[in-house]
């Protein structure tokens, strides 16, 4: 058994034209993450946790923001590639726990759909995936709504 921990944070800016995504699903919101890819902090944190658990580097090593191939990339696609690397190295997902930290939007209605989407992307049982949302009690950039962050933990065998 191996454990991996991941973290990601992105600045939020006003933008009603582009999708705001978390765990691979679009969520109605008037802001968007500043990022090279689609800025899905939940998936980015999960990818880092997966690579860490398997001792395969990190998201920046595999999907560098200096490579134009990953400009505006769909994070679900990156997660599928990461999962395939784990499978190719003989690993199996035992469980995933993700915490998303944001003041807005309210994520409660999207928690189950996020779990469903991650289960679909990873081709694993939804019961192995937990997604939670927390606020930062109006403290710092997260609490002011200037940023969004996520932590992820994964257990693989």
Foldseek 3Di string as FASTA:
>chain_A
DFKFKFKDKFFKDFAQPDFADELQDGDRDRIATPDQARPHQQLQRVLQGLCRRVVNDHPCVVPNSVDNVRGNHRSLVVSLVSLVVCVVVPKDWQAKEKEKEAPDDDCVVPQLVSLVSNCVSNVHDSVRYGYYYYYPCLDDCRSVRRMMMMMMMTDMD
